[in-house]
Amino acid sequence: MEPLLAVLGILAAITVGAASPGPSFVLVARIAVAQSRRDGLAAALGMGAGGVILGGLALLGLQALLAQAGWLYLLLKGLGGLYLLYLAVLLWRSATEPIREAAEGERGATGFARAFLLALATQVSNPKAIAVYGSIFAALLPQHVPVWVLIVLPLGLFAIEAGWYATVACVFSSERPRAAYLRSKLWIDRLAAAVMGALGLRLLTETTRA
């Protein structure tokens, strides 16, 4: 396959994958509506950075490595499941805590950095995302990759992942979604925790059955 067509195909496939609901979507939406648009955008940047990392690993042949070392994929899946359960516990425990608006002088880099790192960890610990990136790259990337692809592809991946989740952050941090969240914070947080927990348990179940 021609390098240009390969890059376009990879970016199109990743766009579809990014738009599909999953733990990343739940996390960014929850950060945006429960904290602020700024923190939601920080999470979007974290997702973009995670996409670059996964793309870089795929360029290095992650899929081939996982195919030859099945135990490594099971390990990643188990760790991803445990991390999602950890997030679920945090969400469930914080469901009863009221949202306190930070004063202007209190808004610093801490919340921004925390949201960025939390999203980054969620992205790179998602075994589904790892498998999707590896499979797409293995299927579409030519054997000999020009240097320009190594530059353009990570930039494109960042733009897709960060752009999509920035849109999610902006939508869910708008006045009406935020007001609806504040009215039903307890049940929304616990629903999000249940989704995260179910996904984590599913990954752990698949790991033990393999």
N, C-alpha and C. Protein backbone atom coordinates (compact mmCIF):
# COMPACT_ATOMS: atom_id res chain seq x y z
N MET A 1 0.85 -1.20 0.00
CA MET A 1 0.00 0.00 0.00
C MET A 1 0.88 1.25 0.00
N GLU A 2 0.47 2.25 -0.77
CA GLU A 2 1.21 3.50 -0.80
C GLU A 2 1.20 4.16 0.57
N PRO A 3 2.31 4.77 0.97
CA PRO A 3 2.38 5.37 2.32
C PRO A 3 1.27 6.37 2.60
N LEU A 4 0.94 7.23 1.61
CA LEU A 4 -0.09 8.24 1.84
C LEU A 4 -1.44 7.59 2.09
N LEU A 5 -1.79 6.59 1.29
CA LEU A 5 -3.06 5.89 1.50
C LEU A 5 -3.06 5.16 2.83
N ALA A 6 -1.91 4.61 3.21
CA ALA A 6 -1.82 3.91 4.49
C ALA A 6 -2.06 4.88 5.65
N VAL A 7 -1.46 6.04 5.60
CA VAL A 7 -1.64 7.04 6.66
C VAL A 7 -3.10 7.48 6.74
N LEU A 8 -3.71 7.76 5.59
CA LEU A 8 -5.11 8.18 5.58
C LEU A 8 -6.01 7.07 6.12
N GLY A 9 -5.72 5.83 5.75
CA GLY A 9 -6.52 4.71 6.25
C GLY A 9 -6.39 4.55 7.75
N ILE A 10 -5.18 4.68 8.27
CA ILE A 10 -4.95 4.56 9.71
C ILE A 10 -5.68 5.66 10.46
N LEU A 11 -5.57 6.89 9.99
CA LEU A 11 -6.21 8.02 10.66
C LEU A 11 -7.73 7.88 10.63
N ALA A 12 -8.27 7.39 9.51
CA ALA A 12 -9.73 7.20 9.42
C ALA A 12 -10.19 6.13 10.41
N ALA A 13 -9.44 5.04 10.50
CA ALA A 13 -9.82 3.96 11.42
C ALA A 13 -9.72 4.41 12.87
N ILE A 14 -8.68 5.17 13.20
CA ILE A 14 -8.53 5.67 14.57
C ILE A 14 -9.63 6.66 14.91
N THR A 15 -10.08 7.44 13.94
CA THR A 15 -11.18 8.39 14.16
C THR A 15 -12.45 7.65 14.57
N VAL A 16 -12.75 6.56 13.86
CA VAL A 16 -13.93 5.76 14.20
C VAL A 16 -13.79 5.16 15.59
N GLY A 17 -12.59 4.66 15.89
CA GLY A 17 -12.36 4.07 17.21
C GLY A 17 -12.47 5.08 18.34
N ALA A 18 -11.95 6.29 18.11
CA ALA A 18 -12.00 7.33 19.15
C ALA A 18 -13.43 7.74 19.45
N ALA A 19 -14.28 7.76 18.43
CA ALA A 19 -15.65 8.22 18.61
C ALA A 19 -16.54 7.17 19.27
N SER A 20 -16.09 5.92 19.35
CA SER A 20 -16.91 4.88 19.97
C SER A 20 -16.86 5.02 21.49
N PRO A 21 -18.02 4.90 22.18
CA PRO A 21 -18.04 5.08 23.64
C PRO A 21 -17.17 4.05 24.36
N GLY A 22 -16.56 4.47 25.44
CA GLY A 22 -15.69 3.60 26.22
C GLY A 22 -15.27 4.31 27.49
N PRO A 23 -14.32 3.74 28.22
CA PRO A 23 -13.88 4.37 29.47
C PRO A 23 -13.29 5.76 29.27
N SER A 24 -12.63 5.99 28.14
CA SER A 24 -12.05 7.31 27.87
C SER A 24 -13.15 8.36 27.75
N PHE A 25 -14.22 8.02 27.04
CA PHE A 25 -15.35 8.94 26.86
C PHE A 25 -15.98 9.26 28.21
N VAL A 26 -16.22 8.21 29.02
CA VAL A 26 -16.83 8.41 30.33
C VAL A 26 -15.97 9.32 31.20
N LEU A 27 -14.66 9.08 31.18
CA LEU A 27 -13.75 9.86 32.02
C LEU A 27 -13.74 11.33 31.63
N VAL A 28 -13.56 11.62 30.33
CA VAL A 28 -13.48 13.01 29.89
C VAL A 28 -14.80 13.75 30.14
N ALA A 29 -15.91 13.08 29.85
CA ALA A 29 -17.21 13.71 30.07
C ALA A 29 -17.42 14.02 31.55
N ARG A 30 -17.03 13.09 32.40
CA ARG A 30 -17.22 13.29 33.83
C ARG A 30 -16.33 14.41 34.36
N ILE A 31 -15.09 14.47 33.90
CA ILE A 31 -14.18 15.55 34.33
C ILE A 31 -14.72 16.91 33.88
N ALA A 32 -15.20 16.97 32.64
CA ALA A 32 -15.70 18.24 32.10
C ALA A 32 -16.92 18.74 32.85
N VAL A 33 -17.84 17.83 33.16
CA VAL A 33 -19.09 18.26 33.77
C VAL A 33 -18.95 18.45 35.28
N ALA A 34 -18.08 17.67 35.91
CA ALA A 34 -17.95 17.75 37.36
C ALA A 34 -16.93 18.79 37.79
N GLN A 35 -15.94 19.09 36.97
CA GLN A 35 -14.90 20.03 37.36
C GLN A 35 -15.00 21.33 36.55
N SER A 36 -14.46 21.33 35.36
CA SER A 36 -14.53 22.55 34.55
C SER A 36 -14.17 22.22 33.12
N ARG A 37 -14.49 23.14 32.23
CA ARG A 37 -14.11 22.95 30.83
C ARG A 37 -12.60 22.91 30.68
N ARG A 38 -11.91 23.71 31.47
CA ARG A 38 -10.44 23.73 31.42
C ARG A 38 -9.86 22.36 31.75
N ASP A 39 -10.39 21.73 32.81
CA ASP A 39 -9.91 20.41 33.18
C ASP A 39 -10.30 19.37 32.14
N GLY A 40 -11.49 19.54 31.56
CA GLY A 40 -11.90 18.63 30.49
C GLY A 40 -10.98 18.71 29.29
N LEU A 41 -10.57 19.93 28.95
CA LEU A 41 -9.63 20.09 27.83
C LEU A 41 -8.26 19.53 28.18
N ALA A 42 -7.88 19.63 29.46
CA ALA A 42 -6.62 19.00 29.89
C ALA A 42 -6.69 17.49 29.70
N ALA A 43 -7.85 16.91 30.04
CA ALA A 43 -8.03 15.48 29.83
C ALA A 43 -7.98 15.14 28.35
N ALA A 44 -8.54 16.00 27.51
CA ALA A 44 -8.49 15.77 26.06
C ALA A 44 -7.05 15.76 25.56
N LEU A 45 -6.24 16.66 26.08
CA LEU A 45 -4.81 16.68 25.70
C LEU A 45 -4.12 15.39 26.18
N GLY A 46 -4.52 14.91 27.37
CA GLY A 46 -3.97 13.65 27.86
C GLY A 46 -4.32 12.49 26.95
N MET A 47 -5.55 12.48 26.45
CA MET A 47 -5.95 11.44 25.51
C MET A 47 -5.15 11.54 24.21
N GLY A 48 -4.91 12.78 23.77
CA GLY A 48 -4.11 12.96 22.57
C GLY A 48 -2.68 12.47 22.76
N ALA A 49 -2.10 12.79 23.91
CA ALA A 49 -0.75 12.32 24.20
C ALA A 49 -0.71 10.80 24.29
N GLY A 50 -1.75 10.21 24.88
CA GLY A 50 -1.82 8.75 24.94
C GLY A 50 -1.90 8.13 23.56
N GLY A 51 -2.64 8.78 22.65
CA GLY A 51 -2.71 8.29 21.28
C GLY A 51 -1.36 8.30 20.59
N VAL A 52 -0.58 9.34 20.85
CA VAL A 52 0.77 9.42 20.27
C VAL A 52 1.64 8.29 20.81
N ILE A 53 1.53 8.01 22.11
CA ILE A 53 2.32 6.93 22.71
C ILE A 53 1.92 5.58 22.11
N LEU A 54 0.62 5.32 22.01
CA LEU A 54 0.16 4.06 21.44
C LEU A 54 0.57 3.94 19.97
N GLY A 55 0.48 5.07 19.24
CA GLY A 55 0.91 5.05 17.85
C GLY A 55 2.40 4.77 17.72
N GLY A 56 3.18 5.36 18.62
CA GLY A 56 4.62 5.12 18.60
C GLY A 56 4.96 3.67 18.88
N LEU A 57 4.24 3.08 19.86
CA LEU A 57 4.46 1.66 20.16
C LEU A 57 4.07 0.79 18.98
N ALA A 58 2.97 1.16 18.32
CA ALA A 58 2.54 0.39 17.15
C ALA A 58 3.58 0.47 16.03
N LEU A 59 4.16 1.64 15.85
CA LEU A 59 5.21 1.79 14.84
C LEU A 59 6.43 0.92 15.16
N LEU A 60 6.65 0.67 16.44
CA LEU A 60 7.78 -0.15 16.86
C LEU A 60 7.47 -1.65 16.80
N GLY A 61 6.26 -1.99 16.39
CA GLY A 61 5.92 -3.39 16.23
C GLY A 61 5.26 -4.03 17.44
N LEU A 62 4.44 -3.26 18.16
CA LEU A 62 3.78 -3.78 19.35
C LEU A 62 2.91 -4.99 19.02
N GLN A 63 2.17 -4.92 17.90
CA GLN A 63 1.27 -6.01 17.57
C GLN A 63 2.02 -7.32 17.37
N ALA A 64 3.16 -7.26 16.70
CA ALA A 64 3.97 -8.46 16.49
C ALA A 64 4.46 -9.03 17.81
N LEU A 65 4.84 -8.14 18.72
CA LEU A 65 5.31 -8.58 20.03
C LEU A 65 4.19 -9.25 20.81
N LEU A 66 3.01 -8.65 20.81
CA LEU A 66 1.89 -9.22 21.54
C LEU A 66 1.46 -10.55 20.95
N ALA A 67 1.57 -10.69 19.63
CA ALA A 67 1.20 -11.95 18.98
C ALA A 67 2.13 -13.08 19.39
N GLN A 68 3.40 -12.76 19.59
CA GLN A 68 4.38 -13.78 19.96
C GLN A 68 4.41 -14.03 21.46
N ALA A 69 4.08 -13.04 22.25
CA ALA A 69 4.09 -13.17 23.71
C ALA A 69 2.68 -12.95 24.24
N GLY A 70 1.87 -14.01 24.18
CA GLY A 70 0.48 -13.90 24.63
C GLY A 70 0.36 -13.51 26.09
N TRP A 71 1.32 -13.91 26.90
CA TRP A 71 1.28 -13.59 28.33
C TRP A 71 1.36 -12.08 28.56
N LEU A 72 2.08 -11.38 27.65
CA LEU A 72 2.23 -9.94 27.81
C LEU A 72 0.89 -9.24 27.58
N TYR A 73 0.14 -9.69 26.59
CA TYR A 73 -1.17 -9.10 26.33
C TYR A 73 -2.11 -9.38 27.50
N LEU A 74 -2.05 -10.60 28.05
CA LEU A 74 -2.89 -10.92 29.21
C LEU A 74 -2.51 -10.05 30.41
N LEU A 75 -1.23 -9.81 30.57
CA LEU A 75 -0.77 -8.95 31.66
C LEU A 75 -1.31 -7.53 31.49
N LEU A 76 -1.20 -6.99 30.28
CA LEU A 76 -1.71 -5.65 30.01
C LEU A 76 -3.22 -5.58 30.23
N LYS A 77 -3.92 -6.63 29.81
CA LYS A 77 -5.37 -6.66 29.99
C LYS A 77 -5.73 -6.70 31.47
N GLY A 78 -5.01 -7.51 32.25
CA GLY A 78 -5.28 -7.58 33.67
C GLY A 78 -5.00 -6.27 34.38
N LEU A 79 -3.89 -5.63 34.04
CA LEU A 79 -3.56 -4.34 34.64
C LEU A 79 -4.59 -3.28 34.26
N GLY A 80 -5.03 -3.33 33.00
CA GLY A 80 -6.06 -2.38 32.56
C GLY A 80 -7.36 -2.58 33.33
N GLY A 81 -7.73 -3.85 33.56
CA GLY A 81 -8.94 -4.13 34.33
C GLY A 81 -8.84 -3.63 35.76
N LEU A 82 -7.69 -3.84 36.39
CA LEU A 82 -7.50 -3.36 37.76
C LEU A 82 -7.55 -1.83 37.83
N TYR A 83 -7.00 -1.18 36.83
CA TYR A 83 -7.01 0.29 36.81
C TYR A 83 -8.44 0.82 36.67
N LEU A 84 -9.24 0.18 35.82
CA LEU A 84 -10.63 0.61 35.66
C LEU A 84 -11.41 0.39 36.95
N LEU A 85 -11.14 -0.71 37.65
CA LEU A 85 -11.80 -0.94 38.94
C LEU A 85 -11.39 0.13 39.95
N TYR A 86 -10.13 0.51 39.91
CA TYR A 86 -9.65 1.59 40.80
C TYR A 86 -10.39 2.89 40.52
N LEU A 87 -10.54 3.23 39.24
CA LEU A 87 -11.29 4.44 38.89
C LEU A 87 -12.75 4.33 39.34
N ALA A 88 -13.33 3.14 39.19
CA ALA A 88 -14.72 2.94 39.59
C ALA A 88 -14.89 3.17 41.09
N VAL A 89 -13.96 2.68 41.89
CA VAL A 89 -14.03 2.88 43.35
C VAL A 89 -13.92 4.37 43.69
N LEU A 90 -13.00 5.07 43.02
CA LEU A 90 -12.85 6.50 43.27
C LEU A 90 -14.13 7.26 42.93
N LEU A 91 -14.75 6.94 41.80
CA LEU A 91 -15.98 7.61 41.39
C LEU A 91 -17.11 7.31 42.38
N TRP A 92 -17.22 6.06 42.78
CA TRP A 92 -18.31 5.67 43.69
C TRP A 92 -18.17 6.38 45.03
N ARG A 93 -16.95 6.43 45.55
CA ARG A 93 -16.72 7.05 46.86
C ARG A 93 -16.93 8.56 46.82
N SER A 94 -16.65 9.19 45.67
CA SER A 94 -16.80 10.64 45.57
C SER A 94 -18.21 11.07 45.17
N ALA A 95 -19.09 10.10 44.93
CA ALA A 95 -20.43 10.43 44.44
C ALA A 95 -21.21 11.27 45.44
N THR A 96 -20.98 11.06 46.73
CA THR A 96 -21.73 11.80 47.76
C THR A 96 -21.08 13.13 48.12
N GLU A 97 -19.91 13.40 47.56
CA GLU A 97 -19.22 14.64 47.89
C GLU A 97 -19.75 15.78 47.03
N PRO A 98 -20.09 16.92 47.63
CA PRO A 98 -20.61 18.04 46.84
C PRO A 98 -19.52 18.67 45.98
N ILE A 99 -19.94 19.29 44.90
CA ILE A 99 -19.01 20.01 44.02
C ILE A 99 -18.78 21.40 44.60
N ARG A 100 -17.51 21.71 44.83
CA ARG A 100 -17.18 23.05 45.35
C ARG A 100 -16.50 23.84 44.26
N GLU A 101 -17.11 24.96 43.91
CA GLU A 101 -16.51 25.82 42.89
C GLU A 101 -15.24 26.44 43.44
N ALA A 102 -14.15 26.28 42.73
CA ALA A 102 -12.88 26.86 43.15
C ALA A 102 -12.88 28.36 42.88
N ALA A 103 -12.36 29.10 43.82
CA ALA A 103 -12.23 30.54 43.61
C ALA A 103 -11.20 30.81 42.54
N GLU A 104 -11.27 31.98 41.96
CA GLU A 104 -10.38 32.31 40.84
C GLU A 104 -8.92 32.15 41.22
N GLY A 105 -8.56 32.55 42.45
CA GLY A 105 -7.16 32.44 42.86
C GLY A 105 -6.72 31.03 43.13
N GLU A 106 -7.68 30.09 43.29
CA GLU A 106 -7.34 28.71 43.59
C GLU A 106 -7.12 27.88 42.34
N ARG A 107 -7.49 28.39 41.20
CA ARG A 107 -7.38 27.62 39.97
C ARG A 107 -5.96 27.72 39.42
N GLY A 108 -5.22 26.68 39.64
CA GLY A 108 -3.84 26.67 39.17
C GLY A 108 -3.58 25.50 38.28
N ALA A 109 -2.29 25.09 38.24
CA ALA A 109 -1.89 24.02 37.35
C ALA A 109 -2.21 22.64 37.91
N THR A 110 -2.53 22.56 39.22
CA THR A 110 -2.72 21.25 39.84
C THR A 110 -3.86 20.47 39.21
N GLY A 111 -5.04 21.10 39.12
CA GLY A 111 -6.18 20.42 38.53
C GLY A 111 -5.95 20.09 37.07
N PHE A 112 -5.32 20.99 36.34
CA PHE A 112 -5.04 20.78 34.93
C PHE A 112 -4.12 19.57 34.75
N ALA A 113 -3.04 19.54 35.54
CA ALA A 113 -2.07 18.45 35.43
C ALA A 113 -2.68 17.12 35.85
N ARG A 114 -3.51 17.15 36.90
CA ARG A 114 -4.13 15.91 37.39
C ARG A 114 -5.06 15.34 36.33
N ALA A 115 -5.88 16.20 35.71
CA ALA A 115 -6.79 15.73 34.67
C ALA A 115 -6.01 15.18 33.47
N PHE A 116 -4.93 15.86 33.10
CA PHE A 116 -4.10 15.41 31.98
C PHE A 116 -3.52 14.03 32.27
N LEU A 117 -2.93 13.85 33.45
CA LEU A 117 -2.27 12.59 33.79
C LEU A 117 -3.28 11.45 33.95
N LEU A 118 -4.44 11.76 34.52
CA LEU A 118 -5.47 10.74 34.68
C LEU A 118 -5.95 10.24 33.32
N ALA A 119 -6.17 11.16 32.40
CA ALA A 119 -6.60 10.77 31.06
C ALA A 119 -5.50 10.01 30.32
N LEU A 120 -4.27 10.47 30.46
CA LEU A 120 -3.15 9.79 29.82
C LEU A 120 -3.03 8.35 30.32
N ALA A 121 -3.13 8.16 31.64
CA ALA A 121 -3.04 6.82 32.20
C ALA A 121 -4.19 5.94 31.73
N THR A 122 -5.38 6.52 31.63
CA THR A 122 -6.55 5.76 31.17
C THR A 122 -6.36 5.32 29.72
N GLN A 123 -5.84 6.19 28.90
CA GLN A 123 -5.65 5.87 27.48
C GLN A 123 -4.62 4.76 27.28
N VAL A 124 -3.47 4.91 27.89
CA VAL A 124 -2.39 3.95 27.62
C VAL A 124 -2.58 2.63 28.37
N SER A 125 -3.48 2.59 29.37
CA SER A 125 -3.72 1.34 30.09
C SER A 125 -4.91 0.57 29.53
N ASN A 126 -5.54 1.11 28.50
CA ASN A 126 -6.71 0.46 27.89
C ASN A 126 -6.24 -0.62 26.91
N PRO A 127 -6.38 -1.91 27.26
CA PRO A 127 -5.89 -2.95 26.36
C PRO A 127 -6.61 -2.98 25.02
N LYS A 128 -7.88 -2.55 25.01
CA LYS A 128 -8.61 -2.49 23.75
C LYS A 128 -7.96 -1.49 22.81
N ALA A 129 -7.61 -0.32 23.34
CA ALA A 129 -6.96 0.70 22.51
C ALA A 129 -5.60 0.20 22.02
N ILE A 130 -4.87 -0.50 22.88
CA ILE A 130 -3.57 -1.05 22.48
C ILE A 130 -3.74 -2.03 21.34
N ALA A 131 -4.73 -2.93 21.46
CA ALA A 131 -4.96 -3.92 20.41
C ALA A 131 -5.42 -3.27 19.12
N VAL A 132 -6.30 -2.26 19.23
CA VAL A 132 -6.80 -1.58 18.03
C VAL A 132 -5.68 -0.88 17.29
N TYR A 133 -4.85 -0.13 18.02
CA TYR A 133 -3.74 0.56 17.38
C TYR A 133 -2.80 -0.45 16.72
N GLY A 134 -2.45 -1.51 17.47
CA GLY A 134 -1.53 -2.49 16.92
C GLY A 134 -2.07 -3.17 15.68
N SER A 135 -3.35 -3.55 15.72
CA SER A 135 -3.96 -4.25 14.58
C SER A 135 -4.05 -3.36 13.35
N ILE A 136 -4.48 -2.11 13.56
CA ILE A 136 -4.63 -1.20 12.42
C ILE A 136 -3.28 -0.91 11.78
N PHE A 137 -2.29 -0.66 12.59
CA PHE A 137 -0.96 -0.38 12.05
C PHE A 137 -0.39 -1.60 11.33
N ALA A 138 -0.58 -2.78 11.93
CA ALA A 138 -0.06 -4.00 11.31
C ALA A 138 -0.74 -4.27 9.97
N ALA A 139 -2.02 -3.94 9.88
CA ALA A 139 -2.78 -4.22 8.65
C ALA A 139 -2.51 -3.21 7.54
N LEU A 140 -2.29 -1.96 7.91
CA LEU A 140 -2.25 -0.90 6.90
C LEU A 140 -0.86 -0.32 6.64
N LEU A 141 0.03 -0.39 7.61
CA LEU A 141 1.32 0.27 7.44
C LEU A 141 2.22 -0.54 6.51
N PRO A 142 2.84 0.10 5.52
CA PRO A 142 3.76 -0.63 4.63
C PRO A 142 5.00 -1.10 5.37
N GLN A 143 5.68 -2.06 4.79
CA GLN A 143 6.86 -2.63 5.45
C GLN A 143 7.96 -1.59 5.61
N HIS A 144 8.15 -0.78 4.60
CA HIS A 144 9.17 0.27 4.65
C HIS A 144 8.48 1.62 4.81
N VAL A 145 8.69 2.25 5.94
CA VAL A 145 7.98 3.49 6.28
C VAL A 145 8.88 4.69 6.01
N PRO A 146 8.44 5.62 5.15
CA PRO A 146 9.23 6.84 4.91
C PRO A 146 9.33 7.69 6.18
N VAL A 147 10.34 8.52 6.25
CA VAL A 147 10.56 9.36 7.43
C VAL A 147 9.39 10.30 7.67
N TRP A 148 8.80 10.83 6.60
CA TRP A 148 7.72 11.80 6.77
C TRP A 148 6.51 11.17 7.48
N VAL A 149 6.32 9.86 7.30
CA VAL A 149 5.21 9.18 7.97
C VAL A 149 5.42 9.18 9.48
N LEU A 150 6.67 9.02 9.90
CA LEU A 150 6.99 9.01 11.33
C LEU A 150 6.72 10.36 11.99
N ILE A 151 6.64 11.41 11.18
CA ILE A 151 6.35 12.75 11.69
C ILE A 151 4.86 13.07 11.60
N VAL A 152 4.30 12.79 10.43
CA VAL A 152 2.90 13.16 10.16
C VAL A 152 1.93 12.30 10.96
N LEU A 153 2.19 11.01 11.06
CA LEU A 153 1.24 10.10 11.71
C LEU A 153 1.03 10.43 13.18
N PRO A 154 2.07 10.61 14.00
CA PRO A 154 1.82 10.98 15.40
C PRO A 154 1.06 12.30 15.55
N LEU A 155 1.38 13.28 14.69
CA LEU A 155 0.66 14.55 14.75
C LEU A 155 -0.81 14.36 14.42
N GLY A 156 -1.09 13.53 13.42
CA GLY A 156 -2.47 13.26 13.06
C GLY A 156 -3.22 12.53 14.16
N LEU A 157 -2.55 11.58 14.80
CA LEU A 157 -3.17 10.85 15.90
C LEU A 157 -3.50 11.78 17.06
N PHE A 158 -2.58 12.67 17.37
CA PHE A 158 -2.82 13.63 18.45
C PHE A 158 -4.01 14.53 18.11
N ALA A 159 -4.06 15.01 16.88
CA ALA A 159 -5.15 15.91 16.47
C ALA A 159 -6.50 15.21 16.56
N ILE A 160 -6.56 13.93 16.17
CA ILE A 160 -7.83 13.20 16.20
C ILE A 160 -8.28 12.94 17.62
N GLU A 161 -7.39 12.36 18.43
CA GLU A 161 -7.76 12.01 19.80
C GLU A 161 -8.07 13.27 20.62
N ALA A 162 -7.16 14.23 20.59
CA ALA A 162 -7.37 15.46 21.38
C ALA A 162 -8.56 16.25 20.86
N GLY A 163 -8.71 16.30 19.54
CA GLY A 163 -9.82 17.06 18.96
C GLY A 163 -11.18 16.48 19.32
N TRP A 164 -11.31 15.16 19.24
CA TRP A 164 -12.58 14.53 19.58
C TRP A 164 -12.92 14.74 21.05
N TYR A 165 -11.97 14.49 21.93
CA TYR A 165 -12.26 14.60 23.36
C TYR A 165 -12.38 16.06 23.81
N ALA A 166 -11.76 16.99 23.08
CA ALA A 166 -11.99 18.40 23.36
C ALA A 166 -13.44 18.76 23.04
N THR A 167 -13.96 18.19 21.96
CA THR A 167 -15.37 18.40 21.62
C THR A 167 -16.27 17.85 22.72
N VAL A 168 -15.95 16.64 23.20
CA VAL A 168 -16.72 16.04 24.29
C VAL A 168 -16.67 16.94 25.53
N ALA A 169 -15.47 17.45 25.85
CA ALA A 169 -15.31 18.30 27.03
C ALA A 169 -16.14 19.58 26.90
N CYS A 170 -16.12 20.19 25.73
CA CYS A 170 -16.87 21.44 25.52
C CYS A 170 -18.38 21.21 25.62
N VAL A 171 -18.85 20.09 25.06
CA VAL A 171 -20.29 19.80 25.10
C VAL A 171 -20.75 19.56 26.53
N PHE A 172 -20.01 18.73 27.28
CA PHE A 172 -20.45 18.34 28.61
C PHE A 172 -20.17 19.40 29.68
N SER A 173 -19.34 20.37 29.36
CA SER A 173 -19.11 21.45 30.33
C SER A 173 -20.01 22.65 30.08
N SER A 174 -20.90 22.54 29.12
CA SER A 174 -21.85 23.62 28.85
C SER A 174 -22.85 23.74 30.00
N GLU A 175 -23.58 24.83 30.03
CA GLU A 175 -24.43 25.16 31.18
C GLU A 175 -25.49 24.10 31.45
N ARG A 176 -26.21 23.66 30.43
CA ARG A 176 -27.31 22.72 30.66
C ARG A 176 -26.83 21.35 31.12
N PRO A 177 -25.84 20.73 30.43
CA PRO A 177 -25.34 19.45 30.95
C PRO A 177 -24.79 19.55 32.36
N ARG A 178 -24.10 20.66 32.65
CA ARG A 178 -23.52 20.81 33.98
C ARG A 178 -24.62 20.97 35.04
N ALA A 179 -25.66 21.74 34.72
CA ALA A 179 -26.77 21.92 35.67
C ALA A 179 -27.48 20.59 35.91
N ALA A 180 -27.67 19.80 34.83
CA ALA A 180 -28.32 18.49 34.98
C ALA A 180 -27.46 17.57 35.84
N TYR A 181 -26.15 17.66 35.67
CA TYR A 181 -25.25 16.83 36.47
C TYR A 181 -25.34 17.20 37.95
N LEU A 182 -25.33 18.48 38.25
CA LEU A 182 -25.37 18.93 39.64
C LEU A 182 -26.67 18.49 40.33
N ARG A 183 -27.75 18.40 39.56
CA ARG A 183 -29.03 17.97 40.14
C ARG A 183 -29.02 16.47 40.45
N SER A 184 -28.28 15.72 39.68
CA SER A 184 -28.31 14.25 39.83
C SER A 184 -26.92 13.68 39.99
N LYS A 185 -26.06 14.40 40.68
CA LYS A 185 -24.65 14.01 40.79
C LYS A 185 -24.48 12.59 41.35
N LEU A 186 -25.22 12.27 42.42
CA LEU A 186 -25.06 10.98 43.07
C LEU A 186 -25.27 9.83 42.09
N TRP A 187 -26.37 9.86 41.36
CA TRP A 187 -26.70 8.75 40.49
C TRP A 187 -25.86 8.73 39.22
N ILE A 188 -25.50 9.92 38.72
CA ILE A 188 -24.66 9.96 37.53
C ILE A 188 -23.26 9.43 37.84
N ASP A 189 -22.71 9.84 38.98
CA ASP A 189 -21.38 9.36 39.36
C ASP A 189 -21.39 7.85 39.59
N ARG A 190 -22.45 7.37 40.23
CA ARG A 190 -22.51 5.94 40.49
C ARG A 190 -22.76 5.14 39.21
N LEU A 191 -23.48 5.72 38.27
CA LEU A 191 -23.65 5.07 36.98
C LEU A 191 -22.31 5.00 36.25
N ALA A 192 -21.57 6.11 36.26
CA ALA A 192 -20.24 6.12 35.64
C ALA A 192 -19.33 5.11 36.31
N ALA A 193 -19.40 5.02 37.65
CA ALA A 193 -18.59 4.06 38.38
C ALA A 193 -18.98 2.63 38.00
N ALA A 194 -20.28 2.39 37.84
CA ALA A 194 -20.73 1.06 37.47
C ALA A 194 -20.23 0.67 36.08
N VAL A 195 -20.24 1.63 35.15
CA VAL A 195 -19.74 1.36 33.80
C VAL A 195 -18.26 1.03 33.84
N MET A 196 -17.49 1.86 34.55
CA MET A 196 -16.06 1.61 34.68
C MET A 196 -15.80 0.25 35.33
N GLY A 197 -16.52 -0.03 36.41
CA GLY A 197 -16.33 -1.29 37.11
C GLY A 197 -16.68 -2.49 36.26
N ALA A 198 -17.78 -2.38 35.49
CA ALA A 198 -18.18 -3.48 34.62
C ALA A 198 -17.12 -3.76 33.55
N LEU A 199 -16.57 -2.69 32.98
CA LEU A 199 -15.52 -2.86 31.98
C LEU A 199 -14.28 -3.50 32.60
N GLY A 200 -13.93 -3.05 33.82
CA GLY A 200 -12.78 -3.62 34.50
C GLY A 200 -12.97 -5.10 34.82
N LEU A 201 -14.16 -5.46 35.32
CA LEU A 201 -14.44 -6.86 35.63
C LEU A 201 -14.44 -7.72 34.37
N ARG A 202 -14.93 -7.16 33.28
CA ARG A 202 -14.93 -7.90 32.02
C ARG A 202 -13.50 -8.22 31.58
N LEU A 203 -12.62 -7.23 31.68
CA LEU A 203 -11.23 -7.47 31.30
C LEU A 203 -10.59 -8.52 32.19
N LEU A 204 -10.84 -8.44 33.51
CA LEU A 204 -10.26 -9.41 34.42
C LEU A 204 -10.82 -10.81 34.17
N THR A 205 -12.12 -10.90 33.85
CA THR A 205 -12.73 -12.20 33.54
C THR A 205 -12.12 -12.80 32.29
N GLU A 206 -11.94 -11.97 31.26
CA GLU A 206 -11.32 -12.46 30.02
C GLU A 206 -9.90 -12.91 30.27
N THR A 207 -9.21 -12.23 31.20
CA THR A 207 -7.83 -12.60 31.50
C THR A 207 -7.77 -13.97 32.17
N THR A 208 -8.65 -14.20 33.13
CA THR A 208 -8.63 -15.47 33.87
C THR A 208 -9.08 -16.65 33.01
N ARG A 209 -9.92 -16.38 32.00
CA ARG A 209 -10.41 -17.46 31.14
C ARG A 209 -9.42 -17.84 30.06
N ALA A 210 -8.47 -16.93 29.78
CA ALA A 210 -7.53 -17.19 28.67
C ALA A 210 -6.55 -18.31 29.04
